[in-house]
Amino acid sequence: MTHPPAPEPKLPWWRIPAMWFVIGGPVLVVVAGIVTAVIAVRGGDVPLPTGARAEAASMSPAKQARNHAATARP
């Protein structure tokens, strides 16, 4: 009478390489999101002063000339 072969011992989940791909992707996305949030909070741009709008309005003659130069001649 022959005996069936002994079953192989089961590995713990952290020893299976494919599990690291399954877990690694979402973990990487979460870490990247946290890093992005930290960069956004620490390195945010300062708001422009209210005088910046007046400076932008002073550029309107240049914008009109640029747009006039781009129009087709009849």
Protein backbone atom coordinates (compact mmCIF):
# COMPACT_ATOMS: atom_id res chain seq x y z
CA MET A 1 0.00 0.00 0.00
CA THR A 2 1.39 3.37 -1.01
CA HIS A 3 0.83 6.54 0.92
CA PRO A 4 -0.20 9.79 -0.80
CA PRO A 5 2.54 12.42 -0.95
CA ALA A 6 2.72 14.74 2.02
CA PRO A 7 1.19 18.15 1.33
CA GLU A 8 3.62 21.04 1.06
CA PRO A 9 3.58 23.34 4.06
CA LYS A 10 1.62 26.54 3.43
CA LEU A 11 3.67 29.72 3.34
CA PRO A 12 2.64 32.78 5.32
CA TRP A 13 1.09 35.51 3.17
CA TRP A 14 4.12 37.80 3.38
CA ARG A 15 6.32 35.13 1.82
CA ILE A 16 4.28 34.96 -1.39
CA PRO A 17 5.73 37.41 -3.97
CA ALA A 18 2.43 38.00 -5.78
CA MET A 19 0.84 39.32 -2.58
CA TRP A 20 3.33 42.19 -2.52
CA PHE A 21 2.12 43.25 -5.97
CA VAL A 22 -1.50 43.12 -4.83
CA ILE A 23 -0.83 45.11 -1.66
CA GLY A 24 2.00 47.28 -3.02
CA GLY A 25 -0.03 49.12 -5.67
CA PRO A 26 -2.69 50.61 -3.39
CA VAL A 27 -0.12 51.34 -0.67
CA LEU A 28 2.01 53.20 -3.20
CA VAL A 29 -0.99 55.28 -4.29
CA VAL A 30 -1.84 56.19 -0.70
CA VAL A 31 1.76 57.20 0.06
CA ALA A 32 1.92 59.30 -3.13
CA GLY A 33 -1.33 61.04 -2.14
CA ILE A 34 0.01 61.87 1.31
CA VAL A 35 3.26 63.19 -0.16
CA THR A 36 1.29 65.33 -2.62
CA ALA A 37 -0.86 66.74 0.19
CA VAL A 38 2.21 67.59 2.27
CA ILE A 39 3.83 69.36 -0.70
CA ALA A 40 0.62 71.29 -1.36
CA VAL A 41 0.25 72.41 2.25
CA ARG A 42 3.88 73.32 2.88
CA GLY A 43 4.76 74.77 -0.51
CA GLY A 44 1.58 76.58 -1.46
CA ASP A 45 1.85 79.78 -3.46
CA VAL A 46 1.16 83.03 -1.70
CA PRO A 47 -1.89 84.95 -2.91
CA LEU A 48 -1.29 87.88 -5.21
CA PRO A 49 -1.73 91.31 -3.73
CA THR A 50 -4.84 93.25 -4.72
CA GLY A 51 -2.73 95.63 -6.80
CA ALA A 52 -1.94 92.80 -9.20
CA ARG A 53 -5.36 93.13 -10.80
CA ALA A 54 -4.69 96.77 -11.58
CA GLU A 55 -1.40 95.82 -13.21
CA ALA A 56 -3.18 93.23 -15.36
CA ALA A 57 -5.69 95.89 -16.47
CA SER A 58 -2.81 98.10 -17.61
CA MET A 59 -1.87 95.38 -20.13
CA SER A 60 -5.11 95.80 -22.07
CA PRO A 61 -3.62 98.11 -24.79
CA ALA A 62 -0.98 95.45 -25.49
CA LYS A 63 -3.67 92.77 -25.70
CA GLN A 64 -5.71 94.89 -28.13
CA ALA A 65 -2.67 95.42 -30.35
CA ARG A 66 -1.85 91.74 -30.29
CA ASN A 67 -5.38 90.76 -31.21
CA HIS A 68 -5.53 93.39 -33.95
CA ALA A 69 -2.30 92.09 -35.48
CA ALA A 70 -3.70 88.55 -35.52
CA THR A 71 -6.89 89.41 -37.40
CA ALA A 72 -7.12 88.75 -41.11
CA ARG A 73 -7.05 91.68 -43.49
CA PRO A 74 -9.99 92.05 -45.86
